Amino acid sequence: MKTCLVVDDSTVIRKVARRILEELEFSISEAADGKQALDQCVSTMPDAVLLDWNMPVMDGLEFLKELRKLDGGTSPVVVFCTTENDMQHISEAISAGANEYIMKPFDREIIESKFAQAGLV
């Protein structure tokens, strides 16, 4: 079973994403900010990361840059899932190593499509 780390400061978003990803047969772990997520990745590297941009402590972009520096940190597929929808944010995320980009609000079809494009489902 593939693993996905859902990183968002909103418990509601994490819960919705968990439900969708479990239906797609992922094993899910969660983090409320980039620092928690980075600590989890040091311990166990996931197959995928569904990542919010705006979070306290460490934002999604900073997390992504630090993740990619870790041993094995280039292997997870990272999908940004955020309200930041301008081209500057999108290109900044892709330049930092994001594989895909999803706008909030999202549904199962959107997540499944992006994860399929990334070769995860």
PDB file of N, CA and C in Angstrom:
ATOM      1  N   MET A   1       0.839  -1.189   0.000  1.00  0.00           N
ATOM      2  CA  MET A   1       0.000   0.000   0.000  1.00  0.00           C
ATOM      3  C   MET A   1       0.882   1.249   0.000  1.00  0.00           C
ATOM      4  N   LYS A   2       0.568   2.205  -0.873  1.00  0.00           N
ATOM      5  CA  LYS A   2       1.331   3.443  -0.928  1.00  0.00           C
ATOM      6  C   LYS A   2       0.964   4.348   0.244  1.00  0.00           C
ATOM      7  N   THR A   3       1.926   5.181   0.627  1.00  0.00           N
ATOM      8  CA  THR A   3       1.714   6.076   1.757  1.00  0.00           C
ATOM      9  C   THR A   3       1.643   7.521   1.281  1.00  0.00           C
ATOM     10  N   CYS A   4       0.797   8.309   1.956  1.00  0.00           N
ATOM     11  CA  CYS A   4       0.682   9.724   1.645  1.00  0.00           C
ATOM     12  C   CYS A   4       0.651  10.511   2.949  1.00  0.00           C
ATOM     13  N   LEU A   5       1.473  11.528   3.020  1.00  0.00           N
ATOM     14  CA  LEU A   5       1.487  12.458   4.142  1.00  0.00           C
ATOM     15  C   LEU A   5       0.650  13.667   3.742  1.00  0.00           C
ATOM     16  N   VAL A   6      -0.407  13.934   4.505  1.00  0.00           N
ATOM     17  CA  VAL A   6      -1.283  15.079   4.254  1.00  0.00           C
ATOM     18  C   VAL A   6      -0.864  16.193   5.208  1.00  0.00           C
ATOM     19  N   VAL A   7      -0.424  17.321   4.640  1.00  0.00           N
ATOM     20  CA  VAL A   7       0.107  18.424   5.436  1.00  0.00           C
ATOM     21  C   VAL A   7      -0.767  19.655   5.236  1.00  0.00           C
ATOM     22  N   ASP A   8      -1.524  20.000   6.284  1.00  0.00           N
ATOM     23  CA  ASP A   8      -2.407  21.167   6.229  1.00  0.00           C
ATOM     24  C   ASP A   8      -2.732  21.565   7.661  1.00  0.00           C
ATOM     25  N   ASP A   9      -2.803  22.859   7.931  1.00  0.00           N
ATOM     26  CA  ASP A   9      -3.119  23.299   9.286  1.00  0.00           C
ATOM     27  C   ASP A   9      -4.611  23.177   9.596  1.00  0.00           C
ATOM     28  N   SER A  10      -5.437  22.906   8.593  1.00  0.00           N
ATOM     29  CA  SER A  10      -6.871  22.724   8.797  1.00  0.00           C
ATOM     30  C   SER A  10      -7.191  21.242   9.032  1.00  0.00           C
ATOM     31  N   THR A  11      -7.764  20.945  10.201  1.00  0.00           N
ATOM     32  CA  THR A  11      -8.142  19.554  10.487  1.00  0.00           C
ATOM     33  C   THR A  11      -9.237  19.087   9.528  1.00  0.00           C
ATOM     34  N   VAL A  12     -10.108  19.995   9.104  1.00  0.00           N
ATOM     35  CA  VAL A  12     -11.183  19.631   8.176  1.00  0.00           C
ATOM     36  C   VAL A  12     -10.588  19.197   6.823  1.00  0.00           C
ATOM     37  N   ILE A  13      -9.660  19.974   6.306  1.00  0.00           N
ATOM     38  CA  ILE A  13      -9.017  19.620   5.024  1.00  0.00           C
ATOM     39  C   ILE A  13      -8.289  18.288   5.162  1.00  0.00           C
ATOM     40  N   ARG A  14      -7.567  18.102   6.277  1.00  0.00           N
ATOM     41  CA  ARG A  14      -6.858  16.823   6.470  1.00  0.00           C
ATOM     42  C   ARG A  14      -7.835  15.662   6.505  1.00  0.00           C
ATOM     43  N   LYS A  15      -8.968  15.846   7.164  1.00  0.00           N
ATOM     44  CA  LYS A  15      -9.969  14.776   7.280  1.00  0.00           C
ATOM     45  C   LYS A  15     -10.571  14.438   5.912  1.00  0.00           C
ATOM     46  N   VAL A  16     -10.907  15.457   5.125  1.00  0.00           N
ATOM     47  CA  VAL A  16     -11.481  15.233   3.787  1.00  0.00           C
ATOM     48  C   VAL A  16     -10.453  14.548   2.887  1.00  0.00           C
ATOM     49  N   ALA A  17      -9.218  15.050   2.900  1.00  0.00           N
ATOM     50  CA  ALA A  17      -8.164  14.456   2.077  1.00  0.00           C
ATOM     51  C   ALA A  17      -7.899  13.013   2.490  1.00  0.00           C
ATOM     52  N   ARG A  18      -7.892  12.757   3.802  1.00  0.00           N
ATOM     53  CA  ARG A  18      -7.681  11.389   4.306  1.00  0.00           C
ATOM     54  C   ARG A  18      -8.739  10.453   3.734  1.00  0.00           C
ATOM     55  N   ARG A  19     -10.017  10.863   3.809  1.00  0.00           N
ATOM     56  CA  ARG A  19     -11.108  10.020   3.334  1.00  0.00           C
ATOM     57  C   ARG A  19     -10.938   9.701   1.845  1.00  0.00           C
ATOM     58  N   ILE A  20     -10.629  10.712   1.043  1.00  0.00           N
ATOM     59  CA  ILE A  20     -10.456  10.513  -0.403  1.00  0.00           C
ATOM     60  C   ILE A  20      -9.272   9.584  -0.682  1.00  0.00           C
ATOM     61  N   LEU A  21      -8.166   9.847  -0.037  1.00  0.00           N
ATOM     62  CA  LEU A  21      -6.953   9.066  -0.303  1.00  0.00           C
ATOM     63  C   LEU A  21      -7.063   7.631   0.218  1.00  0.00           C
ATOM     64  N   GLU A  22      -7.764   7.440   1.325  1.00  0.00           N
ATOM     65  CA  GLU A  22      -7.984   6.062   1.804  1.00  0.00           C
ATOM     66  C   GLU A  22      -8.850   5.285   0.812  1.00  0.00           C
ATOM     67  N   GLU A  23      -9.826   5.966   0.185  1.00  0.00           N
ATOM     68  CA  GLU A  23     -10.640   5.316  -0.854  1.00  0.00           C
ATOM     69  C   GLU A  23      -9.778   4.925  -2.056  1.00  0.00           C
ATOM     70  N   LEU A  24      -8.687   5.676  -2.262  1.00  0.00           N
ATOM     71  CA  LEU A  24      -7.755   5.365  -3.348  1.00  0.00           C
ATOM     72  C   LEU A  24      -6.660   4.399  -2.886  1.00  0.00           C
ATOM     73  N   GLU A  25      -6.863   3.827  -1.708  1.00  0.00           N
ATOM     74  CA  GLU A  25      -6.012   2.786  -1.125  1.00  0.00           C
ATOM     75  C   GLU A  25      -4.624   3.265  -0.722  1.00  0.00           C
ATOM     76  N   PHE A  26      -4.580   4.480  -0.155  1.00  0.00           N
ATOM     77  CA  PHE A  26      -3.351   4.989   0.439  1.00  0.00           C
ATOM     78  C   PHE A  26      -3.417   4.820   1.944  1.00  0.00           C
ATOM     79  N   SER A  27      -2.259   4.591   2.539  1.00  0.00           N
ATOM     80  CA  SER A  27      -2.111   4.648   3.988  1.00  0.00           C
ATOM     81  C   SER A  27      -1.731   6.099   4.298  1.00  0.00           C
ATOM     82  N   ILE A  28      -2.440   6.730   5.240  1.00  0.00           N
ATOM     83  CA  ILE A  28      -2.307   8.167   5.464  1.00  0.00           C
ATOM     84  C   ILE A  28      -1.659   8.487   6.800  1.00  0.00           C
ATOM     85  N   SER A  29      -0.768   9.474   6.769  1.00  0.00           N
ATOM     86  CA  SER A  29      -0.301  10.118   7.996  1.00  0.00           C
ATOM     87  C   SER A  29      -0.568  11.607   7.808  1.00  0.00           C
ATOM     88  N   GLU A  30      -0.610  12.337   8.923  1.00  0.00           N
ATOM     89  CA  GLU A  30      -0.976  13.744   8.862  1.00  0.00           C
ATOM     90  C   GLU A  30       0.018  14.599   9.630  1.00  0.00           C
ATOM     91  N   ALA A  31       0.120  15.871   9.196  1.00  0.00           N
ATOM     92  CA  ALA A  31       0.905  16.870   9.917  1.00  0.00           C
ATOM     93  C   ALA A  31       0.193  18.209   9.772  1.00  0.00           C
ATOM     94  N   ALA A  32       0.264  19.031  10.825  1.00  0.00           N
ATOM     95  CA  ALA A  32      -0.427  20.318  10.836  1.00  0.00           C
ATOM     96  C   ALA A  32       0.435  21.467  10.325  1.00  0.00           C
ATOM     97  N   ASP A  33       1.736  21.220  10.158  1.00  0.00           N
ATOM     98  CA  ASP A  33       2.619  22.253   9.615  1.00  0.00           C
ATOM     99  C   ASP A  33       3.851  21.596   8.993  1.00  0.00           C
ATOM    100  N   GLY A  34       4.639  22.405   8.318  1.00  0.00           N
ATOM    101  CA  GLY A  34       5.806  21.891   7.613  1.00  0.00           C
ATOM    102  C   GLY A  34       6.851  21.275   8.519  1.00  0.00           C
ATOM    103  N   LYS A  35       7.013  21.819   9.718  1.00  0.00           N
ATOM    104  CA  LYS A  35       8.012  21.291  10.659  1.00  0.00           C
ATOM    105  C   LYS A  35       7.638  19.874  11.085  1.00  0.00           C
ATOM    106  N   GLN A  36       6.373  19.671  11.468  1.00  0.00           N
ATOM    107  CA  GLN A  36       5.910  18.323  11.824  1.00  0.00           C
ATOM    108  C   GLN A  36       6.092  17.370  10.645  1.00  0.00           C
ATOM    109  N   ALA A  37       5.761  17.850   9.459  1.00  0.00           N
ATOM    110  CA  ALA A  37       5.869  17.019   8.256  1.00  0.00           C
ATOM    111  C   ALA A  37       7.316  16.623   7.981  1.00  0.00           C
ATOM    112  N   LEU A  38       8.228  17.573   8.124  1.00  0.00           N
ATOM    113  CA  LEU A  38       9.643  17.298   7.884  1.00  0.00           C
ATOM    114  C   LEU A  38      10.161  16.272   8.884  1.00  0.00           C
ATOM    115  N   ASP A  39       9.772  16.417  10.150  1.00  0.00           N
ATOM    116  CA  ASP A  39      10.165  15.444  11.180  1.00  0.00           C
ATOM    117  C   ASP A  39       9.671  14.045  10.820  1.00  0.00           C
ATOM    118  N   GLN A  40       8.434  13.953  10.322  1.00  0.00           N
ATOM    119  CA  GLN A  40       7.886  12.645   9.925  1.00  0.00           C
ATOM    120  C   GLN A  40       8.654  12.063   8.736  1.00  0.00           C
ATOM    121  N   CYS A  41       9.029  12.925   7.786  1.00  0.00           N
ATOM    122  CA  CYS A  41       9.755  12.448   6.603  1.00  0.00           C
ATOM    123  C   CYS A  41      11.154  11.954   6.957  1.00  0.00           C
ATOM    124  N   VAL A  42      11.773  12.576   7.943  1.00  0.00           N
ATOM    125  CA  VAL A  42      13.088  12.115   8.404  1.00  0.00           C
ATOM    126  C   VAL A  42      12.951  10.702   8.967  1.00  0.00           C
ATOM    127  N   SER A  43      11.862  10.463   9.681  1.00  0.00           N
ATOM    128  CA  SER A  43      11.604   9.163  10.290  1.00  0.00           C
ATOM    129  C   SER A  43      11.173   8.124   9.252  1.00  0.00           C
ATOM    130  N   THR A  44      10.180   8.462   8.416  1.00  0.00           N
ATOM    131  CA  THR A  44       9.654   7.557   7.390  1.00  0.00           C
ATOM    132  C   THR A  44       9.263   8.363   6.165  1.00  0.00           C
ATOM    133  N   MET A  45       9.955   8.143   5.055  1.00  0.00           N
ATOM    134  CA  MET A  45       9.683   8.891   3.828  1.00  0.00           C
ATOM    135  C   MET A  45       8.429   8.342   3.151  1.00  0.00           C
ATOM    136  N   PRO A  46       7.410   9.197   2.913  1.00  0.00           N
ATOM    137  CA  PRO A  46       6.184   8.725   2.247  1.00  0.00           C
ATOM    138  C   PRO A  46       6.373   8.612   0.732  1.00  0.00           C
ATOM    139  N   ASP A  47       5.424   7.953   0.082  1.00  0.00           N
ATOM    140  CA  ASP A  47       5.428   7.891  -1.383  1.00  0.00           C
ATOM    141  C   ASP A  47       4.937   9.202  -1.984  1.00  0.00           C
ATOM    142  N   ALA A  48       4.038   9.874  -1.248  1.00  0.00           N
ATOM    143  CA  ALA A  48       3.449  11.115  -1.743  1.00  0.00           C
ATOM    144  C   ALA A  48       3.204  12.077  -0.583  1.00  0.00           C
ATOM    145  N   VAL A  49       3.157  13.366  -0.917  1.00  0.00           N
ATOM    146  CA  VAL A  49       2.832  14.403   0.053  1.00  0.00           C
ATOM    147  C   VAL A  49       1.792  15.319  -0.583  1.00  0.00           C
ATOM    148  N   LEU A  50       0.646  15.470   0.097  1.00  0.00           N
ATOM    149  CA  LEU A  50      -0.372  16.440  -0.302  1.00  0.00           C
ATOM    150  C   LEU A  50      -0.157  17.643   0.606  1.00  0.00           C
ATOM    151  N   LEU A  51       0.221  18.781   0.030  1.00  0.00           N
ATOM    152  CA  LEU A  51       0.832  19.867   0.790  1.00  0.00           C
ATOM    153  C   LEU A  51       0.116  21.199   0.631  1.00  0.00           C
ATOM    154  N   ASP A  52      -0.240  21.802   1.759  1.00  0.00           N
ATOM    155  CA  ASP A  52      -0.798  23.153   1.782  1.00  0.00           C
ATOM    156  C   ASP A  52       0.341  24.161   1.698  1.00  0.00           C
ATOM    157  N   TRP A  53       0.048  25.367   1.255  1.00  0.00           N
ATOM    158  CA  TRP A  53       1.071  26.416   1.160  1.00  0.00           C
ATOM    159  C   TRP A  53       1.164  27.201   2.462  1.00  0.00           C
ATOM    160  N   ASN A  54       0.024  27.764   2.896  1.00  0.00           N
ATOM    161  CA  ASN A  54       0.003  28.676   4.039  1.00  0.00           C
ATOM    162  C   ASN A  54      -0.260  27.944   5.344  1.00  0.00           C
ATOM    163  N   MET A  55       0.799  27.814   6.158  1.00  0.00           N
ATOM    164  CA  MET A  55       0.693  27.144   7.459  1.00  0.00           C
ATOM    165  C   MET A  55       1.604  27.859   8.447  1.00  0.00           C
ATOM    166  N   PRO A  56       1.293  27.716   9.743  1.00  0.00           N
ATOM    167  CA  PRO A  56       2.184  28.295  10.750  1.00  0.00           C
ATOM    168  C   PRO A  56       3.477  27.481  10.874  1.00  0.00           C
ATOM    169  N   VAL A  57       4.427  28.002  11.592  1.00  0.00           N
ATOM    170  CA  VAL A  57       5.714  27.369  11.904  1.00  0.00           C
ATOM    171  C   VAL A  57       6.609  27.259  10.672  1.00  0.00           C
ATOM    172  N   MET A  58       6.210  26.437   9.689  1.00  0.00           N
ATOM    173  CA  MET A  58       6.956  26.290   8.435  1.00  0.00           C
ATOM    174  C   MET A  58       5.929  26.129   7.315  1.00  0.00           C
ATOM    175  N   ASP A  59       5.969  27.027   6.327  1.00  0.00           N
ATOM    176  CA  ASP A  59       4.983  26.937   5.243  1.00  0.00           C
ATOM    177  C   ASP A  59       5.343  25.821   4.257  1.00  0.00           C
ATOM    178  N   GLY A  60       4.433  25.575   3.331  1.00  0.00           N
ATOM    179  CA  GLY A  60       4.606  24.471   2.390  1.00  0.00           C
ATOM    180  C   GLY A  60       5.819  24.600   1.495  1.00  0.00           C
ATOM    181  N   LEU A  61       6.094  25.814   1.028  1.00  0.00           N
ATOM    182  CA  LEU A  61       7.240  26.017   0.148  1.00  0.00           C
ATOM    183  C   LEU A  61       8.551  25.747   0.880  1.00  0.00           C
ATOM    184  N   GLU A  62       8.663  26.253   2.093  1.00  0.00           N
ATOM    185  CA  GLU A  62       9.872  26.020   2.895  1.00  0.00           C
ATOM    186  C   GLU A  62      10.044  24.522   3.188  1.00  0.00           C
ATOM    187  N   PHE A  63       8.918  23.859   3.535  1.00  0.00           N
ATOM    188  CA  PHE A  63       8.956  22.409   3.764  1.00  0.00           C
ATOM    189  C   PHE A  63       9.481  21.687   2.523  1.00  0.00           C
ATOM    190  N   LEU A  64       8.943  22.042   1.352  1.00  0.00           N
ATOM    191  CA  LEU A  64       9.324  21.369   0.109  1.00  0.00           C
ATOM    192  C   LEU A  64      10.821  21.523  -0.166  1.00  0.00           C
ATOM    193  N   LYS A  65      11.332  22.720   0.015  1.00  0.00           N
ATOM    194  CA  LYS A  65      12.764  22.956  -0.214  1.00  0.00           C
ATOM    195  C   LYS A  65      13.613  22.116   0.736  1.00  0.00           C
ATOM    196  N   GLU A  66      13.192  22.025   1.997  1.00  0.00           N
ATOM    197  CA  GLU A  66      13.933  21.224   2.981  1.00  0.00           C
ATOM    198  C   GLU A  66      13.786  19.728   2.705  1.00  0.00           C
ATOM    199  N   LEU A  67      12.595  19.296   2.307  1.00  0.00           N
ATOM    200  CA  LEU A  67      12.355  17.890   1.972  1.00  0.00           C
ATOM    201  C   LEU A  67      13.304  17.430   0.876  1.00  0.00           C
ATOM    202  N   ARG A  68      13.417  18.224  -0.177  1.00  0.00           N
ATOM    203  CA  ARG A  68      14.231  17.837  -1.324  1.00  0.00           C
ATOM    204  C   ARG A  68      15.717  17.745  -0.984  1.00  0.00           C
ATOM    205  N   LYS A  69      16.149  18.333   0.139  1.00  0.00           N
ATOM    206  CA  LYS A  69      17.548  18.245   0.581  1.00  0.00           C
ATOM    207  C   LYS A  69      17.824  16.971   1.384  1.00  0.00           C
ATOM    208  N   LEU A  70      16.763  16.336   1.908  1.00  0.00           N
ATOM    209  CA  LEU A  70      16.926  15.148   2.746  1.00  0.00           C
ATOM    210  C   LEU A  70      17.392  13.945   1.930  1.00  0.00           C
ATOM    211  N   ASP A  71      18.031  13.001   2.613  1.00  0.00           N
ATOM    212  CA  ASP A  71      18.380  11.729   2.007  1.00  0.00           C
ATOM    213  C   ASP A  71      17.074  11.029   1.617  1.00  0.00           C
ATOM    214  N   GLY A  72      16.877  10.759   0.349  1.00  0.00           N
ATOM    215  CA  GLY A  72      15.633  10.154  -0.132  1.00  0.00           C
ATOM    216  C   GLY A  72      14.524  11.168  -0.369  1.00  0.00           C
ATOM    217  N   GLY A  73      14.797  12.444  -0.130  1.00  0.00           N
ATOM    218  CA  GLY A  73      13.779  13.484  -0.224  1.00  0.00           C
ATOM    219  C   GLY A  73      13.355  13.865  -1.629  1.00  0.00           C
ATOM    220  N   THR A  74      14.058  13.330  -2.620  1.00  0.00           N
ATOM    221  CA  THR A  74      13.642  13.605  -3.999  1.00  0.00           C
ATOM    222  C   THR A  74      12.628  12.579  -4.498  1.00  0.00           C
ATOM    223  N   SER A  75      12.423  11.500  -3.733  1.00  0.00           N
ATOM    224  CA  SER A  75      11.529  10.442  -4.213  1.00  0.00           C
ATOM    225  C   SER A  75      10.032  10.698  -4.011  1.00  0.00           C
ATOM    226  N   PRO A  76       9.573  11.351  -2.916  1.00  0.00           N
ATOM    227  CA  PRO A  76       8.116  11.523  -2.802  1.00  0.00           C
ATOM    228  C   PRO A  76       7.549  12.429  -3.894  1.00  0.00           C
ATOM    229  N   VAL A  77       6.377  12.055  -4.390  1.00  0.00           N
ATOM    230  CA  VAL A  77       5.634  12.922  -5.302  1.00  0.00           C
ATOM    231  C   VAL A  77       4.940  13.965  -4.431  1.00  0.00           C
ATOM    232  N   VAL A  78       5.190  15.238  -4.712  1.00  0.00           N
ATOM    233  CA  VAL A  78       4.600  16.317  -3.913  1.00  0.00           C
ATOM    234  C   VAL A  78       3.544  17.039  -4.738  1.00  0.00           C
ATOM    235  N   VAL A  79       2.324  17.066  -4.185  1.00  0.00           N
ATOM    236  CA  VAL A  79       1.206  17.742  -4.824  1.00  0.00           C
ATOM    237  C   VAL A  79       0.781  18.888  -3.924  1.00  0.00           C
ATOM    238  N   PHE A  80       1.016  20.126  -4.369  1.00  0.00           N
ATOM    239  CA  PHE A  80       0.537  21.279  -3.617  1.00  0.00           C
ATOM    240  C   PHE A  80      -0.976  21.331  -3.727  1.00  0.00           C
ATOM    241  N   CYS A  81      -1.643  21.640  -2.632  1.00  0.00           N
ATOM    242  CA  CYS A  81      -3.096  21.748  -2.592  1.00  0.00           C
ATOM    243  C   CYS A  81      -3.397  23.028  -1.821  1.00  0.00           C
ATOM    244  N   THR A  82      -3.709  24.108  -2.538  1.00  0.00           N
ATOM    245  CA  THR A  82      -3.738  25.416  -1.904  1.00  0.00           C
ATOM    246  C   THR A  82      -4.708  26.372  -2.576  1.00  0.00           C
ATOM    247  N   THR A  83      -4.959  27.492  -1.907  1.00  0.00           N
ATOM    248  CA  THR A  83      -5.790  28.553  -2.493  1.00  0.00           C
ATOM    249  C   THR A  83      -4.950  29.511  -3.325  1.00  0.00           C
ATOM    250  N   GLU A  84      -3.621  29.385  -3.234  1.00  0.00           N
ATOM    251  CA  GLU A  84      -2.729  30.255  -4.017  1.00  0.00           C
ATOM    252  C   GLU A  84      -2.785  29.820  -5.476  1.00  0.00           C
ATOM    253  N   ASN A  85      -3.456  30.633  -6.314  1.00  0.00           N
ATOM    254  CA  ASN A  85      -3.701  30.176  -7.681  1.00  0.00           C
ATOM    255  C   ASN A  85      -3.103  31.070  -8.763  1.00  0.00           C
ATOM    256  N   ASP A  86      -2.208  31.983  -8.388  1.00  0.00           N
ATOM    257  CA  ASP A  86      -1.595  32.819  -9.422  1.00  0.00           C
ATOM    258  C   ASP A  86      -0.352  32.124  -9.988  1.00  0.00           C
ATOM    259  N   MET A  87       0.022  32.523 -11.183  1.00  0.00           N
ATOM    260  CA  MET A  87       1.136  31.861 -11.877  1.00  0.00           C
ATOM    261  C   MET A  87       2.456  31.960 -11.116  1.00  0.00           C
ATOM    262  N   GLN A  88       2.669  33.049 -10.386  1.00  0.00           N
ATOM    263  CA  GLN A  88       3.916  33.194  -9.635  1.00  0.00           C
ATOM    264  C   GLN A  88       4.037  32.099  -8.578  1.00  0.00           C
ATOM    265  N   HIS A  89       2.953  31.847  -7.828  1.00  0.00           N
ATOM    266  CA  HIS A  89       2.988  30.796  -6.813  1.00  0.00           C
ATOM    267  C   HIS A  89       3.174  29.420  -7.454  1.00  0.00           C
ATOM    268  N   ILE A  90       2.453  29.185  -8.539  1.00  0.00           N
ATOM    269  CA  ILE A  90       2.537  27.877  -9.199  1.00  0.00           C
ATOM    270  C   ILE A  90       3.954  27.630  -9.713  1.00  0.00           C
ATOM    271  N   SER A  91       4.546  28.617 -10.387  1.00  0.00           N
ATOM    272  CA  SER A  91       5.898  28.407 -10.918  1.00  0.00           C
ATOM    273  C   SER A  91       6.929  28.307  -9.805  1.00  0.00           C
ATOM    274  N   GLU A  92       6.710  29.038  -8.700  1.00  0.00           N
ATOM    275  CA  GLU A  92       7.612  28.937  -7.549  1.00  0.00           C
ATOM    276  C   GLU A  92       7.569  27.522  -6.954  1.00  0.00           C
ATOM    277  N   ALA A  93       6.362  26.963  -6.856  1.00  0.00           N
ATOM    278  CA  ALA A  93       6.203  25.609  -6.319  1.00  0.00           C
ATOM    279  C   ALA A  93       6.863  24.571  -7.228  1.00  0.00           C
ATOM    280  N   ILE A  94       6.646  24.676  -8.510  1.00  0.00           N
ATOM    281  CA  ILE A  94       7.230  23.722  -9.464  1.00  0.00           C
ATOM    282  C   ILE A  94       8.757  23.840  -9.448  1.00  0.00           C
ATOM    283  N   SER A  95       9.265  25.064  -9.402  1.00  0.00           N
ATOM    284  CA  SER A  95      10.720  25.284  -9.344  1.00  0.00           C
ATOM    285  C   SER A  95      11.336  24.682  -8.088  1.00  0.00           C
ATOM    286  N   ALA A  96      10.580  24.698  -6.985  1.00  0.00           N
ATOM    287  CA  ALA A  96      11.079  24.153  -5.714  1.00  0.00           C
ATOM    288  C   ALA A  96      11.002  22.630  -5.677  1.00  0.00           C
ATOM    289  N   GLY A  97      10.319  22.019  -6.662  1.00  0.00           N
ATOM    290  CA  GLY A  97      10.274  20.561  -6.716  1.00  0.00           C
ATOM    291  C   GLY A  97       8.905  19.936  -6.614  1.00  0.00           C
ATOM    292  N   ALA A  98       7.836  20.736  -6.667  1.00  0.00           N
ATOM    293  CA  ALA A  98       6.483  20.160  -6.648  1.00  0.00           C
ATOM    294  C   ALA A  98       6.227  19.423  -7.964  1.00  0.00           C
ATOM    295  N   ASN A  99       5.502  18.316  -7.880  1.00  0.00           N
ATOM    296  CA  ASN A  99       5.179  17.535  -9.075  1.00  0.00           C
ATOM    297  C   ASN A  99       3.851  17.952  -9.702  1.00  0.00           C
ATOM    298  N   GLU A 100       2.902  18.345  -8.863  1.00  0.00           N
ATOM    299  CA  GLU A 100       1.574  18.739  -9.332  1.00  0.00           C
ATOM    300  C   GLU A 100       1.044  19.858  -8.441  1.00  0.00           C
ATOM    301  N   TYR A 101      -0.055  20.468  -8.861  1.00  0.00           N
ATOM    302  CA  TYR A 101      -0.623  21.615  -8.158  1.00  0.00           C
ATOM    303  C   TYR A 101      -2.139  21.531  -8.251  1.00  0.00           C
ATOM    304  N   ILE A 102      -2.819  21.532  -7.102  1.00  0.00           N
ATOM    305  CA  ILE A 102      -4.286  21.453  -7.044  1.00  0.00           C
ATOM    306  C   ILE A 102      -4.801  22.704  -6.337  1.00  0.00           C
ATOM    307  N   MET A 103      -5.875  23.263  -6.867  1.00  0.00           N
ATOM    308  CA  MET A 103      -6.516  24.409  -6.213  1.00  0.00           C
ATOM    309  C   MET A 103      -7.581  23.925  -5.226  1.00  0.00           C
ATOM    310  N   LYS A 104      -7.679  24.612  -4.100  1.00  0.00           N
ATOM    311  CA  LYS A 104      -8.797  24.369  -3.185  1.00  0.00           C
ATOM    312  C   LYS A 104      -9.967  25.208  -3.671  1.00  0.00           C
ATOM    313  N   PRO A 105     -11.199  24.751  -3.542  1.00  0.00           N
ATOM    314  CA  PRO A 105     -11.592  23.444  -3.000  1.00  0.00           C
ATOM    315  C   PRO A 105     -11.341  22.339  -4.032  1.00  0.00           C
ATOM    316  N   PHE A 106     -11.168  21.123  -3.517  1.00  0.00           N
ATOM    317  CA  PHE A 106     -10.893  19.975  -4.371  1.00  0.00           C
ATOM    318  C   PHE A 106     -11.916  18.886  -4.085  1.00  0.00           C
ATOM    319  N   ASP A 107     -11.975  17.897  -4.967  1.00  0.00           N
ATOM    320  CA  ASP A 107     -12.826  16.730  -4.735  1.00  0.00           C
ATOM    321  C   ASP A 107     -12.048  15.474  -5.133  1.00  0.00           C
ATOM    322  N   ARG A 108     -12.679  14.335  -4.989  1.00  0.00           N
ATOM    323  CA  ARG A 108     -12.005  13.065  -5.281  1.00  0.00           C
ATOM    324  C   ARG A 108     -11.507  13.006  -6.719  1.00  0.00           C
ATOM    325  N   GLU A 109     -12.334  13.473  -7.649  1.00  0.00           N
ATOM    326  CA  GLU A 109     -11.975  13.411  -9.062  1.00  0.00           C
ATOM    327  C   GLU A 109     -10.687  14.191  -9.347  1.00  0.00           C
ATOM    328  N   ILE A 110     -10.561  15.364  -8.752  1.00  0.00           N
ATOM    329  CA  ILE A 110      -9.367  16.195  -8.959  1.00  0.00           C
ATOM    330  C   ILE A 110      -8.134  15.514  -8.371  1.00  0.00           C
ATOM    331  N   ILE A 111      -8.247  15.032  -7.135  1.00  0.00           N
ATOM    332  CA  ILE A 111      -7.097  14.366  -6.496  1.00  0.00           C
ATOM    333  C   ILE A 111      -6.722  13.107  -7.267  1.00  0.00           C
ATOM    334  N   GLU A 112      -7.704  12.306  -7.628  1.00  0.00           N
ATOM    335  CA  GLU A 112      -7.420  11.073  -8.358  1.00  0.00           C
ATOM    336  C   GLU A 112      -6.742  11.373  -9.697  1.00  0.00           C
ATOM    337  N   SER A 113      -7.209  12.397 -10.383  1.00  0.00           N
ATOM    338  CA  SER A 113      -6.628  12.780 -11.668  1.00  0.00           C
ATOM    339  C   SER A 113      -5.171  13.229 -11.519  1.00  0.00           C
ATOM    340  N   LYS A 114      -4.902  14.089 -10.553  1.00  0.00           N
ATOM    341  CA  LYS A 114      -3.530  14.585 -10.358  1.00  0.00           C
ATOM    342  C   LYS A 114      -2.601  13.468  -9.893  1.00  0.00           C
ATOM    343  N   PHE A 115      -3.093  12.592  -8.992  1.00  0.00           N
ATOM    344  CA  PHE A 115      -2.274  11.485  -8.526  1.00  0.00           C
ATOM    345  C   PHE A 115      -2.025  10.488  -9.661  1.00  0.00           C
ATOM    346  N   ALA A 116      -2.998  10.333 -10.554  1.00  0.00           N
ATOM    347  CA  ALA A 116      -2.808   9.460 -11.723  1.00  0.00           C
ATOM    348  C   ALA A 116      -1.768  10.053 -12.662  1.00  0.00           C
ATOM    349  N   GLN A 117      -1.834  11.356 -12.901  1.00  0.00           N
ATOM    350  CA  GLN A 117      -0.846  12.017 -13.759  1.00  0.00           C
ATOM    351  C   GLN A 117       0.564  11.849 -13.200  1.00  0.00           C
ATOM    352  N   ALA A 118       0.655  11.788 -11.870  1.00  0.00           N
ATOM    353  CA  ALA A 118       1.959  11.646 -11.214  1.00  0.00           C
ATOM    354  C   ALA A 118       2.372  10.176 -11.074  1.00  0.00           C
ATOM    355  N   GLY A 119       1.529   9.256 -11.573  1.00  0.00           N
ATOM    356  CA  GLY A 119       1.871   7.838 -11.544  1.00  0.00           C
ATOM    357  C   GLY A 119       1.617   7.147 -10.214  1.00  0.00           C
ATOM    358  N   LEU A 120       0.769   7.735  -9.376  1.00  0.00           N
ATOM    359  CA  LEU A 120       0.520   7.161  -8.046  1.00  0.00           C
ATOM    360  C   LEU A 120      -0.695   6.244  -7.999  1.00  0.00           C
ATOM    361  N   VAL A 121      -1.650   6.434  -8.921  1.00  0.00           N
ATOM    362  CA  VAL A 121      -2.836   5.557  -8.962  1.00  0.00           C
ATOM    363  C   VAL A 121      -3.058   5.064 -10.376  1.00  0.00           C
TER     364      VAL A 121
END
